[in-house]
Amino acid sequence: MTTRRMGQQSDQEWREDLLSDPETRARYKEEATKKALWLPLVEARQEAGSTQMQLVERTGVTQSQVARNEPTAPYGAASPARSRSRATEPTP
């Protein structure tokens, strides 16, 4: 069991407190739904070897929206999409 100093909350307690507000809970659900819809699209884009800009052209959303919904790799690790794009970049 971890000993906490007075006033500290566990992540779970913090999340429960945050989501106890109905407005915050509704916003959280909305964002989670958007993310769940984007993830298969991003994975399909990566598997097809398409670029973010190709997805932008096909869907009409902005590049920043696509980038914002791309999964991020852990610190220091290259994302699969980034590794693939580097492999296909022309060398000077």
N, C-alpha and C. Protein backbone atom coordinates (compact mmCIF):
# COMPACT_ATOMS: atom_id res chain seq x y z
N MET A 1 0.84 -1.17 0.00
CA MET A 1 0.00 0.00 0.00
C MET A 1 0.89 1.24 0.00
N THR A 2 0.58 2.22 -0.85
CA THR A 2 1.36 3.44 -0.95
C THR A 2 0.86 4.46 0.06
N THR A 3 1.78 5.07 0.76
CA THR A 3 1.41 6.09 1.73
C THR A 3 1.35 7.44 1.01
N ARG A 4 0.24 8.15 1.19
CA ARG A 4 0.08 9.46 0.55
C ARG A 4 0.13 10.55 1.60
N ARG A 5 0.67 11.68 1.18
CA ARG A 5 0.63 12.85 2.06
C ARG A 5 -0.77 13.43 2.03
N MET A 6 -1.10 14.18 3.05
CA MET A 6 -2.42 14.81 3.13
C MET A 6 -2.68 15.64 1.88
N GLY A 7 -3.86 15.50 1.30
CA GLY A 7 -4.23 16.28 0.13
C GLY A 7 -3.91 15.62 -1.19
N GLN A 8 -3.16 14.53 -1.19
CA GLN A 8 -2.84 13.86 -2.44
C GLN A 8 -3.95 12.87 -2.79
N GLN A 9 -4.19 12.75 -4.08
CA GLN A 9 -5.19 11.82 -4.57
C GLN A 9 -4.53 10.82 -5.50
N SER A 10 -5.12 9.66 -5.58
CA SER A 10 -4.67 8.71 -6.59
C SER A 10 -5.22 9.18 -7.93
N ASP A 11 -4.67 8.66 -8.99
CA ASP A 11 -5.17 9.00 -10.32
C ASP A 11 -6.65 8.67 -10.44
N GLN A 12 -7.02 7.52 -9.90
CA GLN A 12 -8.41 7.09 -9.97
C GLN A 12 -9.32 8.05 -9.21
N GLU A 13 -8.90 8.48 -8.03
CA GLU A 13 -9.70 9.43 -7.25
C GLU A 13 -9.82 10.76 -7.98
N TRP A 14 -8.72 11.22 -8.58
CA TRP A 14 -8.74 12.48 -9.32
C TRP A 14 -9.70 12.39 -10.50
N ARG A 15 -9.65 11.28 -11.22
CA ARG A 15 -10.53 11.07 -12.37
C ARG A 15 -11.99 11.04 -11.93
N GLU A 16 -12.28 10.34 -10.86
CA GLU A 16 -13.66 10.27 -10.35
C GLU A 16 -14.16 11.64 -9.94
N ASP A 17 -13.31 12.42 -9.28
CA ASP A 17 -13.69 13.78 -8.89
C ASP A 17 -13.97 14.64 -10.12
N LEU A 18 -13.10 14.55 -11.09
CA LEU A 18 -13.23 15.33 -12.31
C LEU A 18 -14.52 14.98 -13.05
N LEU A 19 -14.79 13.69 -13.18
CA LEU A 19 -15.95 13.25 -13.94
C LEU A 19 -17.25 13.29 -13.14
N SER A 20 -17.19 13.70 -11.91
CA SER A 20 -18.43 13.84 -11.13
C SER A 20 -19.24 15.05 -11.59
N ASP A 21 -18.58 15.99 -12.28
CA ASP A 21 -19.27 17.14 -12.85
C ASP A 21 -19.94 16.71 -14.15
N PRO A 22 -21.27 16.86 -14.28
CA PRO A 22 -21.97 16.39 -15.48
C PRO A 22 -21.46 17.02 -16.78
N GLU A 23 -21.13 18.30 -16.75
CA GLU A 23 -20.64 18.97 -17.96
C GLU A 23 -19.27 18.40 -18.38
N THR A 24 -18.40 18.20 -17.41
CA THR A 24 -17.09 17.64 -17.70
C THR A 24 -17.22 16.20 -18.20
N ARG A 25 -18.11 15.43 -17.58
CA ARG A 25 -18.33 14.05 -17.99
C ARG A 25 -18.83 13.99 -19.44
N ALA A 26 -19.75 14.87 -19.81
CA ALA A 26 -20.28 14.91 -21.18
C ALA A 26 -19.17 15.25 -22.17
N ARG A 27 -18.34 16.21 -21.82
CA ARG A 27 -17.23 16.60 -22.72
C ARG A 27 -16.23 15.45 -22.87
N TYR A 28 -15.95 14.78 -21.77
CA TYR A 28 -15.02 13.64 -21.79
C TYR A 28 -15.56 12.54 -22.71
N LYS A 29 -16.85 12.22 -22.58
CA LYS A 29 -17.45 11.19 -23.42
C LYS A 29 -17.40 11.58 -24.89
N GLU A 30 -17.66 12.86 -25.17
CA GLU A 30 -17.62 13.36 -26.55
C GLU A 30 -16.22 13.19 -27.15
N GLU A 31 -15.20 13.58 -26.39
CA GLU A 31 -13.82 13.46 -26.86
C GLU A 31 -13.41 12.00 -27.02
N ALA A 32 -13.83 11.15 -26.09
CA ALA A 32 -13.50 9.73 -26.18
C ALA A 32 -14.15 9.10 -27.42
N THR A 33 -15.36 9.52 -27.74
CA THR A 33 -16.05 9.02 -28.93
C THR A 33 -15.32 9.44 -30.20
N LYS A 34 -14.90 10.71 -30.24
CA LYS A 34 -14.15 11.20 -31.41
C LYS A 34 -12.87 10.39 -31.60
N LYS A 35 -12.16 10.17 -30.50
CA LYS A 35 -10.89 9.43 -30.57
C LYS A 35 -11.15 8.00 -31.06
N ALA A 36 -12.22 7.39 -30.59
CA ALA A 36 -12.54 6.02 -30.99
C ALA A 36 -12.87 5.95 -32.48
N LEU A 37 -13.44 7.01 -33.03
CA LEU A 37 -13.76 7.04 -34.45
C LEU A 37 -12.51 7.29 -35.30
N TRP A 38 -11.59 8.08 -34.79
CA TRP A 38 -10.37 8.42 -35.54
C TRP A 38 -9.37 7.29 -35.59
N LEU A 39 -9.25 6.54 -34.51
CA LEU A 39 -8.19 5.54 -34.42
C LEU A 39 -8.20 4.54 -35.57
N PRO A 40 -9.33 3.92 -35.93
CA PRO A 40 -9.30 2.99 -37.08
C PRO A 40 -8.92 3.69 -38.39
N LEU A 41 -9.33 4.93 -38.55
CA LEU A 41 -8.99 5.68 -39.76
C LEU A 41 -7.49 5.92 -39.84
N VAL A 42 -6.89 6.31 -38.74
CA VAL A 42 -5.45 6.55 -38.70
C VAL A 42 -4.69 5.25 -38.93
N GLU A 43 -5.14 4.16 -38.29
CA GLU A 43 -4.47 2.88 -38.47
C GLU A 43 -4.55 2.42 -39.93
N ALA A 44 -5.71 2.61 -40.56
CA ALA A 44 -5.86 2.24 -41.97
C ALA A 44 -4.94 3.09 -42.85
N ARG A 45 -4.83 4.38 -42.52
CA ARG A 45 -3.94 5.26 -43.28
C ARG A 45 -2.50 4.78 -43.17
N GLN A 46 -2.08 4.44 -41.96
CA GLN A 46 -0.72 3.98 -41.76
C GLN A 46 -0.46 2.65 -42.46
N GLU A 47 -1.40 1.72 -42.37
CA GLU A 47 -1.24 0.41 -43.03
C GLU A 47 -1.16 0.56 -44.55
N ALA A 48 -1.90 1.52 -45.09
CA ALA A 48 -1.90 1.74 -46.54
C ALA A 48 -0.66 2.50 -46.99
N GLY A 49 0.09 3.05 -46.04
CA GLY A 49 1.27 3.82 -46.38
C GLY A 49 0.95 5.22 -46.89
N SER A 50 -0.27 5.68 -46.62
CA SER A 50 -0.67 7.03 -47.04
C SER A 50 -0.12 8.07 -46.08
N THR A 51 0.03 9.27 -46.56
CA THR A 51 0.50 10.37 -45.72
C THR A 51 -0.68 11.07 -45.06
N GLN A 52 -0.38 11.87 -44.07
CA GLN A 52 -1.42 12.69 -43.45
C GLN A 52 -2.05 13.61 -44.48
N MET A 53 -1.25 14.17 -45.35
CA MET A 53 -1.78 15.09 -46.36
C MET A 53 -2.72 14.38 -47.33
N GLN A 54 -2.45 13.14 -47.66
CA GLN A 54 -3.37 12.39 -48.52
C GLN A 54 -4.70 12.18 -47.81
N LEU A 55 -4.66 11.92 -46.51
CA LEU A 55 -5.89 11.78 -45.73
C LEU A 55 -6.64 13.10 -45.68
N VAL A 56 -5.91 14.20 -45.53
CA VAL A 56 -6.51 15.54 -45.53
C VAL A 56 -7.26 15.77 -46.84
N GLU A 57 -6.61 15.46 -47.94
CA GLU A 57 -7.22 15.67 -49.25
C GLU A 57 -8.47 14.81 -49.44
N ARG A 58 -8.44 13.61 -48.92
CA ARG A 58 -9.57 12.69 -49.10
C ARG A 58 -10.74 13.01 -48.17
N THR A 59 -10.45 13.55 -46.98
CA THR A 59 -11.51 13.76 -45.99
C THR A 59 -11.96 15.20 -45.86
N GLY A 60 -11.09 16.14 -46.24
CA GLY A 60 -11.46 17.55 -46.11
C GLY A 60 -11.22 18.14 -44.73
N VAL A 61 -10.61 17.38 -43.84
CA VAL A 61 -10.27 17.93 -42.53
C VAL A 61 -8.89 18.59 -42.62
N THR A 62 -8.51 19.31 -41.58
CA THR A 62 -7.20 19.97 -41.61
C THR A 62 -6.10 18.99 -41.20
N GLN A 63 -4.88 19.30 -41.62
CA GLN A 63 -3.74 18.46 -41.25
C GLN A 63 -3.56 18.46 -39.75
N SER A 64 -3.82 19.58 -39.09
CA SER A 64 -3.65 19.61 -37.63
C SER A 64 -4.64 18.68 -36.94
N GLN A 65 -5.86 18.54 -37.51
CA GLN A 65 -6.82 17.60 -36.93
C GLN A 65 -6.32 16.15 -37.07
N VAL A 66 -5.75 15.85 -38.21
CA VAL A 66 -5.22 14.50 -38.41
C VAL A 66 -4.07 14.26 -37.44
N ALA A 67 -3.13 15.18 -37.37
CA ALA A 67 -1.96 15.03 -36.50
C ALA A 67 -2.37 14.92 -35.03
N ARG A 68 -3.35 15.68 -34.63
CA ARG A 68 -3.81 15.67 -33.25
C ARG A 68 -4.36 14.30 -32.86
N ASN A 69 -4.89 13.58 -33.83
CA ASN A 69 -5.49 12.28 -33.55
C ASN A 69 -4.58 11.10 -33.83
N GLU A 70 -3.36 11.37 -34.26
CA GLU A 70 -2.39 10.31 -34.46
C GLU A 70 -1.91 9.83 -33.09
N PRO A 71 -1.79 8.52 -32.91
CA PRO A 71 -1.24 8.04 -31.64
C PRO A 71 0.22 8.46 -31.52
N THR A 72 0.63 8.81 -30.33
CA THR A 72 2.01 9.23 -30.13
C THR A 72 2.83 8.05 -29.63
N ALA A 73 4.06 8.00 -30.06
CA ALA A 73 4.98 6.95 -29.61
C ALA A 73 5.57 7.35 -28.27
N PRO A 74 5.98 6.38 -27.46
CA PRO A 74 6.65 6.71 -26.20
C PRO A 74 7.89 7.56 -26.45
N TYR A 75 8.28 8.35 -25.48
CA TYR A 75 9.42 9.23 -25.61
C TYR A 75 10.63 8.44 -26.10
N GLY A 76 11.24 8.94 -27.15
CA GLY A 76 12.46 8.32 -27.67
C GLY A 76 12.22 7.24 -28.71
N ALA A 77 10.97 6.83 -28.87
CA ALA A 77 10.66 5.79 -29.86
C ALA A 77 10.05 6.43 -31.09
N ALA A 78 10.38 5.91 -32.22
CA ALA A 78 9.80 6.44 -33.47
C ALA A 78 8.43 5.82 -33.67
N SER A 79 7.48 6.64 -34.12
CA SER A 79 6.16 6.09 -34.42
C SER A 79 6.25 5.31 -35.72
N PRO A 80 5.36 4.32 -35.93
CA PRO A 80 5.42 3.54 -37.18
C PRO A 80 5.29 4.43 -38.41
N ALA A 81 4.41 5.42 -38.37
CA ALA A 81 4.23 6.30 -39.52
C ALA A 81 5.48 7.12 -39.78
N ARG A 82 6.09 7.61 -38.73
CA ARG A 82 7.29 8.42 -38.89
C ARG A 82 8.44 7.58 -39.44
N SER A 83 8.56 6.34 -38.96
CA SER A 83 9.62 5.46 -39.46
C SER A 83 9.43 5.18 -40.93
N ARG A 84 8.19 4.94 -41.33
CA ARG A 84 7.89 4.65 -42.73
C ARG A 84 8.18 5.86 -43.61
N SER A 85 7.81 7.07 -43.12
CA SER A 85 8.04 8.26 -43.94
C SER A 85 9.53 8.54 -44.09
N ARG A 86 10.30 8.28 -43.06
CA ARG A 86 11.74 8.48 -43.16
C ARG A 86 12.36 7.50 -44.14
N ALA A 87 11.82 6.30 -44.18
CA ALA A 87 12.38 5.28 -45.07
C ALA A 87 12.13 5.62 -46.53
N THR A 88 11.09 6.41 -46.80
CA THR A 88 10.78 6.74 -48.19
C THR A 88 11.24 8.13 -48.61
N GLU A 89 11.86 8.87 -47.68
CA GLU A 89 12.35 10.21 -48.03
C GLU A 89 13.58 10.08 -48.91
N PRO A 90 13.67 10.94 -49.93
CA PRO A 90 14.86 10.91 -50.78
C PRO A 90 16.09 11.39 -50.01
N THR A 91 17.21 10.81 -50.29
CA THR A 91 18.45 11.23 -49.64
C THR A 91 19.08 12.34 -50.45
N PRO A 92 19.68 13.34 -49.77
CA PRO A 92 20.27 14.46 -50.49
C PRO A 92 21.48 14.08 -51.29
